[in-house]
Amino acid sequence: MLVDHDRRRQGAYDRDPAFGHADRPSALRRFLGGSPAGVFLRLLFLSVLVGAFLSMLGLTPGRLFWHAYDSVRALAEIAVTQLHDVTGWVVAGAVIVVPLWLLSRLFAATR
């Protein structure tokens, strides 16, 4: 179905309530995707289903939070360890590279 979304042009379907387009949905209804009561009931139903499923698995909101917290903390520890390793590699490489670069610049300046 092709619909003209240009608000400057209004056809017969915009003026005649028989076409069902006379009332445009409010910004709240467009944002929520339907009436607030309908959205609330759908979210409530889905929350009950997901809560029952998690309960069958033995998961609680507290356990989920602490699992996420532990995961983020472990990733941060890995990142710090890797940064420490990379910093050591940079320093070890710089001990060799910087003096060689300095010698090459000194010999290039004497030409």
PDB file of N, CA and C in Angstrom:
ATOM      1  N   MET A   1       0.839  -1.167   0.000  1.00  0.00           N
ATOM      2  CA  MET A   1       0.000   0.000   0.000  1.00  0.00           C
ATOM      3  C   MET A   1       0.884   1.230   0.000  1.00  0.00           C
ATOM      4  N   LEU A   2       0.656   2.120  -0.911  1.00  0.00           N
ATOM      5  CA  LEU A   2       1.414   3.353  -0.994  1.00  0.00           C
ATOM      6  C   LEU A   2       0.702   4.446  -0.220  1.00  0.00           C
ATOM      7  N   VAL A   3       1.449   5.148   0.620  1.00  0.00           N
ATOM      8  CA  VAL A   3       0.868   6.202   1.434  1.00  0.00           C
ATOM      9  C   VAL A   3       1.714   7.445   1.233  1.00  0.00           C
ATOM     10  N   ASP A   4       1.054   8.574   1.036  1.00  0.00           N
ATOM     11  CA  ASP A   4       1.746   9.848   0.896  1.00  0.00           C
ATOM     12  C   ASP A   4       1.952  10.430   2.295  1.00  0.00           C
ATOM     13  N   HIS A   5       3.198  10.546   2.729  1.00  0.00           N
ATOM     14  CA  HIS A   5       3.490  11.022   4.080  1.00  0.00           C
ATOM     15  C   HIS A   5       3.732  12.522   4.135  1.00  0.00           C
ATOM     16  N   ASP A   6       3.534  13.234   3.038  1.00  0.00           N
ATOM     17  CA  ASP A   6       3.732  14.673   3.025  1.00  0.00           C
ATOM     18  C   ASP A   6       2.540  15.339   3.705  1.00  0.00           C
ATOM     19  N   ARG A   7       2.777  16.010   4.831  1.00  0.00           N
ATOM     20  CA  ARG A   7       1.680  16.595   5.613  1.00  0.00           C
ATOM     21  C   ARG A   7       1.104  17.847   4.942  1.00  0.00           C
ATOM     22  N   ARG A   8       1.830  18.409   3.989  1.00  0.00           N
ATOM     23  CA  ARG A   8       1.311  19.607   3.324  1.00  0.00           C
ATOM     24  C   ARG A   8       0.156  19.266   2.392  1.00  0.00           C
ATOM     25  N   ARG A   9       0.134  18.049   1.876  1.00  0.00           N
ATOM     26  CA  ARG A   9      -0.938  17.627   0.977  1.00  0.00           C
ATOM     27  C   ARG A   9      -1.919  16.771   1.751  1.00  0.00           C
ATOM     28  N   GLN A  10      -3.174  17.139   1.719  1.00  0.00           N
ATOM     29  CA  GLN A  10      -4.194  16.348   2.397  1.00  0.00           C
ATOM     30  C   GLN A  10      -5.207  15.878   1.373  1.00  0.00           C
ATOM     31  N   GLY A  11      -5.369  14.590   1.312  1.00  0.00           N
ATOM     32  CA  GLY A  11      -6.333  14.019   0.380  1.00  0.00           C
ATOM     33  C   GLY A  11      -7.649  13.760   1.074  1.00  0.00           C
ATOM     34  N   ALA A  12      -8.529  13.074   0.378  1.00  0.00           N
ATOM     35  CA  ALA A  12      -9.854  12.769   0.916  1.00  0.00           C
ATOM     36  C   ALA A  12      -9.748  11.874   2.141  1.00  0.00           C
ATOM     37  N   TYR A  13      -8.753  11.004   2.180  1.00  0.00           N
ATOM     38  CA  TYR A  13      -8.632  10.096   3.311  1.00  0.00           C
ATOM     39  C   TYR A  13      -8.269  10.810   4.591  1.00  0.00           C
ATOM     40  N   ASP A  14      -7.638  12.008   4.505  1.00  0.00           N
ATOM     41  CA  ASP A  14      -7.284  12.757   5.712  1.00  0.00           C
ATOM     42  C   ASP A  14      -8.476  13.524   6.282  1.00  0.00           C
ATOM     43  N   ARG A  15      -9.418  13.901   5.432  1.00  0.00           N
ATOM     44  CA  ARG A  15     -10.554  14.698   5.883  1.00  0.00           C
ATOM     45  C   ARG A  15     -11.746  13.852   6.289  1.00  0.00           C
ATOM     46  N   ASP A  16     -11.833  12.648   5.776  1.00  0.00           N
ATOM     47  CA  ASP A  16     -13.008  11.810   6.004  1.00  0.00           C
ATOM     48  C   ASP A  16     -12.700  10.772   7.074  1.00  0.00           C
ATOM     49  N   PRO A  17     -13.396  10.817   8.226  1.00  0.00           N
ATOM     50  CA  PRO A  17     -13.124   9.841   9.279  1.00  0.00           C
ATOM     51  C   PRO A  17     -13.457   8.407   8.866  1.00  0.00           C
ATOM     52  N   ALA A  18     -14.208   8.237   7.794  1.00  0.00           N
ATOM     53  CA  ALA A  18     -14.553   6.884   7.352  1.00  0.00           C
ATOM     54  C   ALA A  18     -13.322   6.115   6.898  1.00  0.00           C
ATOM     55  N   PHE A  19     -12.282   6.836   6.484  1.00  0.00           N
ATOM     56  CA  PHE A  19     -11.064   6.176   6.021  1.00  0.00           C
ATOM     57  C   PHE A  19     -10.182   5.736   7.186  1.00  0.00           C
ATOM     58  N   GLY A  20     -10.448   6.208   8.406  1.00  0.00           N
ATOM     59  CA  GLY A  20      -9.692   5.773   9.570  1.00  0.00           C
ATOM     60  C   GLY A  20      -8.371   6.496   9.772  1.00  0.00           C
ATOM     61  N   HIS A  21      -8.108   7.538   9.021  1.00  0.00           N
ATOM     62  CA  HIS A  21      -6.840   8.263   9.151  1.00  0.00           C
ATOM     63  C   HIS A  21      -7.035   9.659   9.717  1.00  0.00           C
ATOM     64  N   ALA A  22      -8.217   9.970  10.218  1.00  0.00           N
ATOM     65  CA  ALA A  22      -8.486  11.325  10.683  1.00  0.00           C
ATOM     66  C   ALA A  22      -7.660  11.650  11.920  1.00  0.00           C
ATOM     67  N   ASP A  23      -7.503  10.714  12.826  1.00  0.00           N
ATOM     68  CA  ASP A  23      -6.739  10.953  14.056  1.00  0.00           C
ATOM     69  C   ASP A  23      -5.376  10.298  13.921  1.00  0.00           C
ATOM     70  N   ARG A  24      -4.352  11.103  13.970  1.00  0.00           N
ATOM     71  CA  ARG A  24      -3.002  10.554  13.944  1.00  0.00           C
ATOM     72  C   ARG A  24      -2.616  10.184  15.371  1.00  0.00           C
ATOM     73  N   PRO A  25      -1.842   9.124  15.557  1.00  0.00           N
ATOM     74  CA  PRO A  25      -1.462   8.738  16.923  1.00  0.00           C
ATOM     75  C   PRO A  25      -0.583   9.806  17.570  1.00  0.00           C
ATOM     76  N   SER A  26      -0.700   9.924  18.876  1.00  0.00           N
ATOM     77  CA  SER A  26       0.092  10.905  19.604  1.00  0.00           C
ATOM     78  C   SER A  26       1.557  10.482  19.614  1.00  0.00           C
ATOM     79  N   ALA A  27       2.385  11.421  20.019  1.00  0.00           N
ATOM     80  CA  ALA A  27       3.822  11.139  20.082  1.00  0.00           C
ATOM     81  C   ALA A  27       4.109  10.025  21.086  1.00  0.00           C
ATOM     82  N   LEU A  28       3.358   9.997  22.184  1.00  0.00           N
ATOM     83  CA  LEU A  28       3.556   8.944  23.188  1.00  0.00           C
ATOM     84  C   LEU A  28       3.213   7.579  22.618  1.00  0.00           C
ATOM     85  N   ARG A  29       2.086   7.491  21.903  1.00  0.00           N
ATOM     86  CA  ARG A  29       1.698   6.212  21.308  1.00  0.00           C
ATOM     87  C   ARG A  29       2.704   5.772  20.249  1.00  0.00           C
ATOM     88  N   ARG A  30       3.209   6.716  19.465  1.00  0.00           N
ATOM     89  CA  ARG A  30       4.218   6.358  18.457  1.00  0.00           C
ATOM     90  C   ARG A  30       5.493   5.880  19.131  1.00  0.00           C
ATOM     91  N   PHE A  31       5.890   6.539  20.216  1.00  0.00           N
ATOM     92  CA  PHE A  31       7.118   6.146  20.917  1.00  0.00           C
ATOM     93  C   PHE A  31       6.965   4.764  21.547  1.00  0.00           C
ATOM     94  N   LEU A  32       5.832   4.519  22.203  1.00  0.00           N
ATOM     95  CA  LEU A  32       5.624   3.244  22.884  1.00  0.00           C
ATOM     96  C   LEU A  32       5.295   2.113  21.920  1.00  0.00           C
ATOM     97  N   GLY A  33       4.718   2.445  20.767  1.00  0.00           N
ATOM     98  CA  GLY A  33       4.327   1.420  19.814  1.00  0.00           C
ATOM     99  C   GLY A  33       2.912   0.936  20.031  1.00  0.00           C
ATOM    100  N   GLY A  34       2.092   1.719  20.689  1.00  0.00           N
ATOM    101  CA  GLY A  34       0.711   1.363  20.955  1.00  0.00           C
ATOM    102  C   GLY A  34       0.207   2.132  22.151  1.00  0.00           C
ATOM    103  N   SER A  35      -0.945   1.738  22.630  1.00  0.00           N
ATOM    104  CA  SER A  35      -1.502   2.429  23.794  1.00  0.00           C
ATOM    105  C   SER A  35      -0.674   2.088  25.034  1.00  0.00           C
ATOM    106  N   PRO A  36      -0.549   3.036  25.962  1.00  0.00           N
ATOM    107  CA  PRO A  36       0.239   2.764  27.170  1.00  0.00           C
ATOM    108  C   PRO A  36      -0.250   1.540  27.942  1.00  0.00           C
ATOM    109  N   ALA A  37      -1.571   1.352  28.046  1.00  0.00           N
ATOM    110  CA  ALA A  37      -2.096   0.197  28.782  1.00  0.00           C
ATOM    111  C   ALA A  37      -1.747  -1.104  28.067  1.00  0.00           C
ATOM    112  N   GLY A  38      -1.875  -1.121  26.750  1.00  0.00           N
ATOM    113  CA  GLY A  38      -1.537  -2.324  25.978  1.00  0.00           C
ATOM    114  C   GLY A  38      -0.067  -2.674  26.091  1.00  0.00           C
ATOM    115  N   VAL A  39       0.783  -1.647  26.009  1.00  0.00           N
ATOM    116  CA  VAL A  39       2.229  -1.882  26.127  1.00  0.00           C
ATOM    117  C   VAL A  39       2.563  -2.385  27.527  1.00  0.00           C
ATOM    118  N   PHE A  40       1.925  -1.800  28.542  1.00  0.00           N
ATOM    119  CA  PHE A  40       2.161  -2.240  29.914  1.00  0.00           C
ATOM    120  C   PHE A  40       1.793  -3.711  30.089  1.00  0.00           C
ATOM    121  N   LEU A  41       0.639  -4.108  29.563  1.00  0.00           N
ATOM    122  CA  LEU A  41       0.210  -5.498  29.694  1.00  0.00           C
ATOM    123  C   LEU A  41       1.144  -6.454  28.955  1.00  0.00           C
ATOM    124  N   ARG A  42       1.595  -6.061  27.768  1.00  0.00           N
ATOM    125  CA  ARG A  42       2.544  -6.918  27.030  1.00  0.00           C
ATOM    126  C   ARG A  42       3.853  -7.057  27.791  1.00  0.00           C
ATOM    127  N   LEU A  43       4.366  -5.945  28.319  1.00  0.00           N
ATOM    128  CA  LEU A  43       5.616  -6.010  29.090  1.00  0.00           C
ATOM    129  C   LEU A  43       5.443  -6.829  30.363  1.00  0.00           C
ATOM    130  N   LEU A  44       4.313  -6.702  31.013  1.00  0.00           N
ATOM    131  CA  LEU A  44       4.040  -7.488  32.215  1.00  0.00           C
ATOM    132  C   LEU A  44       4.015  -8.976  31.891  1.00  0.00           C
ATOM    133  N   PHE A  45       3.347  -9.356  30.815  1.00  0.00           N
ATOM    134  CA  PHE A  45       3.267 -10.753  30.409  1.00  0.00           C
ATOM    135  C   PHE A  45       4.654 -11.304  30.076  1.00  0.00           C
ATOM    136  N   LEU A  46       5.430 -10.539  29.292  1.00  0.00           N
ATOM    137  CA  LEU A  46       6.778 -10.997  28.943  1.00  0.00           C
ATOM    138  C   LEU A  46       7.677 -11.090  30.172  1.00  0.00           C
ATOM    139  N   SER A  47       7.509 -10.160  31.108  1.00  0.00           N
ATOM    140  CA  SER A  47       8.307 -10.203  32.340  1.00  0.00           C
ATOM    141  C   SER A  47       8.006 -11.455  33.143  1.00  0.00           C
ATOM    142  N   VAL A  48       6.736 -11.842  33.217  1.00  0.00           N
ATOM    143  CA  VAL A  48       6.363 -13.066  33.932  1.00  0.00           C
ATOM    144  C   VAL A  48       6.977 -14.282  33.249  1.00  0.00           C
ATOM    145  N   LEU A  49       6.909 -14.336  31.911  1.00  0.00           N
ATOM    146  CA  LEU A  49       7.485 -15.472  31.192  1.00  0.00           C
ATOM    147  C   LEU A  49       8.997 -15.566  31.397  1.00  0.00           C
ATOM    148  N   VAL A  50       9.701 -14.446  31.241  1.00  0.00           N
ATOM    149  CA  VAL A  50      11.159 -14.455  31.407  1.00  0.00           C
ATOM    150  C   VAL A  50      11.528 -14.756  32.850  1.00  0.00           C
ATOM    151  N   GLY A  51      10.780 -14.200  33.815  1.00  0.00           N
ATOM    152  CA  GLY A  51      11.049 -14.473  35.222  1.00  0.00           C
ATOM    153  C   GLY A  51      10.867 -15.944  35.558  1.00  0.00           C
ATOM    154  N   ALA A  52       9.825 -16.570  35.010  1.00  0.00           N
ATOM    155  CA  ALA A  52       9.598 -17.995  35.253  1.00  0.00           C
ATOM    156  C   ALA A  52      10.718 -18.832  34.652  1.00  0.00           C
ATOM    157  N   PHE A  53      11.156 -18.465  33.444  1.00  0.00           N
ATOM    158  CA  PHE A  53      12.251 -19.191  32.788  1.00  0.00           C
ATOM    159  C   PHE A  53      13.543 -19.072  33.600  1.00  0.00           C
ATOM    160  N   LEU A  54      13.864 -17.858  34.051  1.00  0.00           N
ATOM    161  CA  LEU A  54      15.071 -17.668  34.852  1.00  0.00           C
ATOM    162  C   LEU A  54      14.975 -18.407  36.181  1.00  0.00           C
ATOM    163  N   SER A  55      13.776 -18.441  36.762  1.00  0.00           N
ATOM    164  CA  SER A  55      13.582 -19.160  38.011  1.00  0.00           C
ATOM    165  C   SER A  55      13.803 -20.655  37.813  1.00  0.00           C
ATOM    166  N   MET A  56      13.355 -21.191  36.682  1.00  0.00           N
ATOM    167  CA  MET A  56      13.586 -22.612  36.399  1.00  0.00           C
ATOM    168  C   MET A  56      15.075 -22.904  36.271  1.00  0.00           C
ATOM    169  N   LEU A  57      15.853 -21.937  35.795  1.00  0.00           N
ATOM    170  CA  LEU A  57      17.304 -22.116  35.671  1.00  0.00           C
ATOM    171  C   LEU A  57      18.032 -21.834  36.981  1.00  0.00           C
ATOM    172  N   GLY A  58      17.302 -21.348  37.975  1.00  0.00           N
ATOM    173  CA  GLY A  58      17.918 -21.055  39.268  1.00  0.00           C
ATOM    174  C   GLY A  58      18.637 -19.725  39.301  1.00  0.00           C
ATOM    175  N   LEU A  59      18.295 -18.831  38.396  1.00  0.00           N
ATOM    176  CA  LEU A  59      18.934 -17.518  38.356  1.00  0.00           C
ATOM    177  C   LEU A  59      18.056 -16.489  39.045  1.00  0.00           C
ATOM    178  N   THR A  60      18.710 -15.586  39.755  1.00  0.00           N
ATOM    179  CA  THR A  60      18.005 -14.485  40.402  1.00  0.00           C
ATOM    180  C   THR A  60      18.597 -13.180  39.887  1.00  0.00           C
ATOM    181  N   PRO A  61      17.893 -12.072  40.061  1.00  0.00           N
ATOM    182  CA  PRO A  61      18.458 -10.792  39.628  1.00  0.00           C
ATOM    183  C   PRO A  61      19.797 -10.484  40.301  1.00  0.00           C
ATOM    184  N   GLY A  62      19.925 -10.857  41.573  1.00  0.00           N
ATOM    185  CA  GLY A  62      21.193 -10.634  42.274  1.00  0.00           C
ATOM    186  C   GLY A  62      22.327 -11.428  41.663  1.00  0.00           C
ATOM    187  N   ARG A  63      22.058 -12.697  41.353  1.00  0.00           N
ATOM    188  CA  ARG A  63      23.096 -13.524  40.724  1.00  0.00           C
ATOM    189  C   ARG A  63      23.472 -12.981  39.350  1.00  0.00           C
ATOM    190  N   LEU A  64      22.482 -12.547  38.578  1.00  0.00           N
ATOM    191  CA  LEU A  64      22.783 -11.979  37.261  1.00  0.00           C
ATOM    192  C   LEU A  64      23.649 -10.725  37.387  1.00  0.00           C
ATOM    193  N   PHE A  65      23.308  -9.863  38.366  1.00  0.00           N
ATOM    194  CA  PHE A  65      24.092  -8.649  38.569  1.00  0.00           C
ATOM    195  C   PHE A  65      25.530  -8.983  38.947  1.00  0.00           C
ATOM    196  N   TRP A  66      25.706  -9.890  39.906  1.00  0.00           N
ATOM    197  CA  TRP A  66      27.059 -10.215  40.351  1.00  0.00           C
ATOM    198  C   TRP A  66      27.848 -10.944  39.269  1.00  0.00           C
ATOM    199  N   HIS A  67      27.174 -11.737  38.454  1.00  0.00           N
ATOM    200  CA  HIS A  67      27.860 -12.391  37.340  1.00  0.00           C
ATOM    201  C   HIS A  67      28.343 -11.340  36.331  1.00  0.00           C
ATOM    202  N   ALA A  68      27.496 -10.367  36.037  1.00  0.00           N
ATOM    203  CA  ALA A  68      27.903  -9.291  35.118  1.00  0.00           C
ATOM    204  C   ALA A  68      29.045  -8.480  35.734  1.00  0.00           C
ATOM    205  N   TYR A  69      28.944  -8.191  37.031  1.00  0.00           N
ATOM    206  CA  TYR A  69      30.000  -7.438  37.721  1.00  0.00           C
ATOM    207  C   TYR A  69      31.325  -8.195  37.678  1.00  0.00           C
ATOM    208  N   ASP A  70      31.290  -9.492  37.985  1.00  0.00           N
ATOM    209  CA  ASP A  70      32.509 -10.304  37.946  1.00  0.00           C
ATOM    210  C   ASP A  70      33.094 -10.377  36.536  1.00  0.00           C
ATOM    211  N   SER A  71      32.236 -10.450  35.531  1.00  0.00           N
ATOM    212  CA  SER A  71      32.715 -10.501  34.145  1.00  0.00           C
ATOM    213  C   SER A  71      33.416  -9.208  33.758  1.00  0.00           C
ATOM    214  N   VAL A  72      32.826  -8.075  34.106  1.00  0.00           N
ATOM    215  CA  VAL A  72      33.444  -6.779  33.791  1.00  0.00           C
ATOM    216  C   VAL A  72      34.753  -6.629  34.553  1.00  0.00           C
ATOM    217  N   ARG A  73      34.770  -7.059  35.804  1.00  0.00           N
ATOM    218  CA  ARG A  73      35.994  -6.959  36.598  1.00  0.00           C
ATOM    219  C   ARG A  73      37.108  -7.839  36.020  1.00  0.00           C
ATOM    220  N   ALA A  74      36.756  -9.055  35.582  1.00  0.00           N
ATOM    221  CA  ALA A  74      37.755  -9.939  34.982  1.00  0.00           C
ATOM    222  C   ALA A  74      38.298  -9.345  33.685  1.00  0.00           C
ATOM    223  N   LEU A  75      37.417  -8.748  32.876  1.00  0.00           N
ATOM    224  CA  LEU A  75      37.886  -8.098  31.643  1.00  0.00           C
ATOM    225  C   LEU A  75      38.817  -6.929  31.953  1.00  0.00           C
ATOM    226  N   ALA A  76      38.497  -6.161  32.998  1.00  0.00           N
ATOM    227  CA  ALA A  76      39.367  -5.042  33.386  1.00  0.00           C
ATOM    228  C   ALA A  76      40.728  -5.552  33.848  1.00  0.00           C
ATOM    229  N   GLU A  77      40.749  -6.642  34.603  1.00  0.00           N
ATOM    230  CA  GLU A  77      42.028  -7.209  35.041  1.00  0.00           C
ATOM    231  C   GLU A  77      42.849  -7.694  33.857  1.00  0.00           C
ATOM    232  N   ILE A  78      42.194  -8.319  32.881  1.00  0.00           N
ATOM    233  CA  ILE A  78      42.904  -8.770  31.680  1.00  0.00           C
ATOM    234  C   ILE A  78      43.471  -7.574  30.927  1.00  0.00           C
ATOM    235  N   ALA A  79      42.675  -6.505  30.819  1.00  0.00           N
ATOM    236  CA  ALA A  79      43.137  -5.312  30.107  1.00  0.00           C
ATOM    237  C   ALA A  79      44.341  -4.691  30.798  1.00  0.00           C
ATOM    238  N   VAL A  80      44.310  -4.616  32.131  1.00  0.00           N
ATOM    239  CA  VAL A  80      45.432  -4.040  32.873  1.00  0.00           C
ATOM    240  C   VAL A  80      46.673  -4.912  32.713  1.00  0.00           C
ATOM    241  N   THR A  81      46.499  -6.221  32.762  1.00  0.00           N
ATOM    242  CA  THR A  81      47.631  -7.133  32.586  1.00  0.00           C
ATOM    243  C   THR A  81      48.245  -6.977  31.195  1.00  0.00           C
ATOM    244  N   GLN A  82      47.389  -6.895  30.187  1.00  0.00           N
ATOM    245  CA  GLN A  82      47.897  -6.736  28.821  1.00  0.00           C
ATOM    246  C   GLN A  82      48.591  -5.393  28.652  1.00  0.00           C
ATOM    247  N   LEU A  83      48.042  -4.347  29.243  1.00  0.00           N
ATOM    248  CA  LEU A  83      48.679  -3.030  29.176  1.00  0.00           C
ATOM    249  C   LEU A  83      50.044  -3.070  29.850  1.00  0.00           C
ATOM    250  N   HIS A  84      50.143  -3.771  30.969  1.00  0.00           N
ATOM    251  CA  HIS A  84      51.426  -3.910  31.652  1.00  0.00           C
ATOM    252  C   HIS A  84      52.427  -4.639  30.768  1.00  0.00           C
ATOM    253  N   ASP A  85      51.988  -5.716  30.111  1.00  0.00           N
ATOM    254  CA  ASP A  85      52.870  -6.465  29.217  1.00  0.00           C
ATOM    255  C   ASP A  85      53.320  -5.612  28.039  1.00  0.00           C
ATOM    256  N   VAL A  86      52.380  -4.900  27.422  1.00  0.00           N
ATOM    257  CA  VAL A  86      52.718  -4.079  26.254  1.00  0.00           C
ATOM    258  C   VAL A  86      53.667  -2.956  26.666  1.00  0.00           C
ATOM    259  N   THR A  87      53.450  -2.370  27.830  1.00  0.00           N
ATOM    260  CA  THR A  87      54.355  -1.320  28.307  1.00  0.00           C
ATOM    261  C   THR A  87      55.764  -1.875  28.485  1.00  0.00           C
ATOM    262  N   GLY A  88      55.874  -3.073  29.011  1.00  0.00           N
ATOM    263  CA  GLY A  88      57.195  -3.703  29.149  1.00  0.00           C
ATOM    264  C   GLY A  88      57.840  -3.940  27.795  1.00  0.00           C
ATOM    265  N   TRP A  89      57.054  -4.356  26.800  1.00  0.00           N
ATOM    266  CA  TRP A  89      57.604  -4.566  25.463  1.00  0.00           C
ATOM    267  C   TRP A  89      58.094  -3.259  24.859  1.00  0.00           C
ATOM    268  N   VAL A  90      57.337  -2.172  25.083  1.00  0.00           N
ATOM    269  CA  VAL A  90      57.738  -0.865  24.539  1.00  0.00           C
ATOM    270  C   VAL A  90      59.056  -0.424  25.162  1.00  0.00           C
ATOM    271  N   VAL A  91      59.178  -0.570  26.465  1.00  0.00           N
ATOM    272  CA  VAL A  91      60.413  -0.155  27.143  1.00  0.00           C
ATOM    273  C   VAL A  91      61.590  -1.022  26.693  1.00  0.00           C
ATOM    274  N   ALA A  92      61.385  -2.336  26.592  1.00  0.00           N
ATOM    275  CA  ALA A  92      62.465  -3.226  26.153  1.00  0.00           C
ATOM    276  C   ALA A  92      62.894  -2.893  24.731  1.00  0.00           C
ATOM    277  N   GLY A  93      61.926  -2.625  23.864  1.00  0.00           N
ATOM    278  CA  GLY A  93      62.267  -2.271  22.492  1.00  0.00           C
ATOM    279  C   GLY A  93      62.940  -0.910  22.408  1.00  0.00           C
ATOM    280  N   ALA A  94      62.481   0.034  23.231  1.00  0.00           N
ATOM    281  CA  ALA A  94      63.059   1.375  23.199  1.00  0.00           C
ATOM    282  C   ALA A  94      64.515   1.375  23.659  1.00  0.00           C
ATOM    283  N   VAL A  95      64.898   0.447  24.527  1.00  0.00           N
ATOM    284  CA  VAL A  95      66.284   0.354  24.979  1.00  0.00           C
ATOM    285  C   VAL A  95      67.214   0.075  23.801  1.00  0.00           C
ATOM    286  N   ILE A  96      66.723  -0.652  22.820  1.00  0.00           N
ATOM    287  CA  ILE A  96      67.534  -0.970  21.640  1.00  0.00           C
ATOM    288  C   ILE A  96      67.316   0.049  20.523  1.00  0.00           C
ATOM    289  N   VAL A  97      66.071   0.399  20.254  1.00  0.00           N
ATOM    290  CA  VAL A  97      65.729   1.216  19.089  1.00  0.00           C
ATOM    291  C   VAL A  97      66.199   2.660  19.238  1.00  0.00           C
ATOM    292  N   VAL A  98      65.973   3.275  20.390  1.00  0.00           N
ATOM    293  CA  VAL A  98      66.302   4.698  20.554  1.00  0.00           C
ATOM    294  C   VAL A  98      67.803   4.948  20.417  1.00  0.00           C
ATOM    295  N   PRO A  99      68.690   4.177  21.056  1.00  0.00           N
ATOM    296  CA  PRO A  99      70.123   4.435  20.838  1.00  0.00           C
ATOM    297  C   PRO A  99      70.551   4.214  19.380  1.00  0.00           C
ATOM    298  N   LEU A 100      70.009   3.184  18.719  1.00  0.00           N
ATOM    299  CA  LEU A 100      70.345   2.978  17.308  1.00  0.00           C
ATOM    300  C   LEU A 100      69.854   4.136  16.446  1.00  0.00           C
ATOM    301  N   TRP A 101      68.656   4.640  16.714  1.00  0.00           N
ATOM    302  CA  TRP A 101      68.138   5.790  15.966  1.00  0.00           C
ATOM    303  C   TRP A 101      69.018   7.017  16.218  1.00  0.00           C
ATOM    304  N   LEU A 102      69.409   7.228  17.481  1.00  0.00           N
ATOM    305  CA  LEU A 102      70.250   8.373  17.810  1.00  0.00           C
ATOM    306  C   LEU A 102      71.600   8.278  17.100  1.00  0.00           C
ATOM    307  N   LEU A 103      72.208   7.077  17.082  1.00  0.00           N
ATOM    308  CA  LEU A 103      73.480   6.899  16.362  1.00  0.00           C
ATOM    309  C   LEU A 103      73.315   7.157  14.868  1.00  0.00           C
ATOM    310  N   SER A 104      72.208   6.676  14.291  1.00  0.00           N
ATOM    311  CA  SER A 104      72.011   6.885  12.846  1.00  0.00           C
ATOM    312  C   SER A 104      71.819   8.365  12.543  1.00  0.00           C
ATOM    313  N   ARG A 105      71.177   9.104  13.413  1.00  0.00           N
ATOM    314  CA  ARG A 105      70.986  10.546  13.193  1.00  0.00           C
ATOM    315  C   ARG A 105      72.318  11.289  13.334  1.00  0.00           C
ATOM    316  N   LEU A 106      73.142  10.856  14.305  1.00  0.00           N
ATOM    317  CA  LEU A 106      74.442  11.494  14.480  1.00  0.00           C
ATOM    318  C   LEU A 106      75.332  11.262  13.268  1.00  0.00           C
ATOM    319  N   PHE A 107      75.340  10.017  12.742  1.00  0.00           N
ATOM    320  CA  PHE A 107      76.172   9.742  11.572  1.00  0.00           C
ATOM    321  C   PHE A 107      75.616  10.424  10.310  1.00  0.00           C
ATOM    322  N   ALA A 108      74.335  10.602  10.228  1.00  0.00           N
ATOM    323  CA  ALA A 108      73.736  11.278   9.074  1.00  0.00           C
ATOM    324  C   ALA A 108      74.036  12.766   9.131  1.00  0.00           C
ATOM    325  N   ALA A 109      74.163  13.342  10.321  1.00  0.00           N
ATOM    326  CA  ALA A 109      74.423  14.778  10.454  1.00  0.00           C
ATOM    327  C   ALA A 109      75.864  15.100  10.108  1.00  0.00           C
ATOM    328  N   THR A 110      76.797  14.160  10.216  1.00  0.00           N
ATOM    329  CA  THR A 110      78.206  14.429   9.915  1.00  0.00           C
ATOM    330  C   THR A 110      78.476  14.411   8.427  1.00  0.00           C
ATOM    331  N   ARG A 111      77.594  13.927   7.604  1.00  0.00           N
ATOM    332  CA  ARG A 111      77.832  13.907   6.162  1.00  0.00           C
ATOM    333  C   ARG A 111      77.689  15.241   5.540  1.00  0.00           C
TER     334      ARG A 111
END
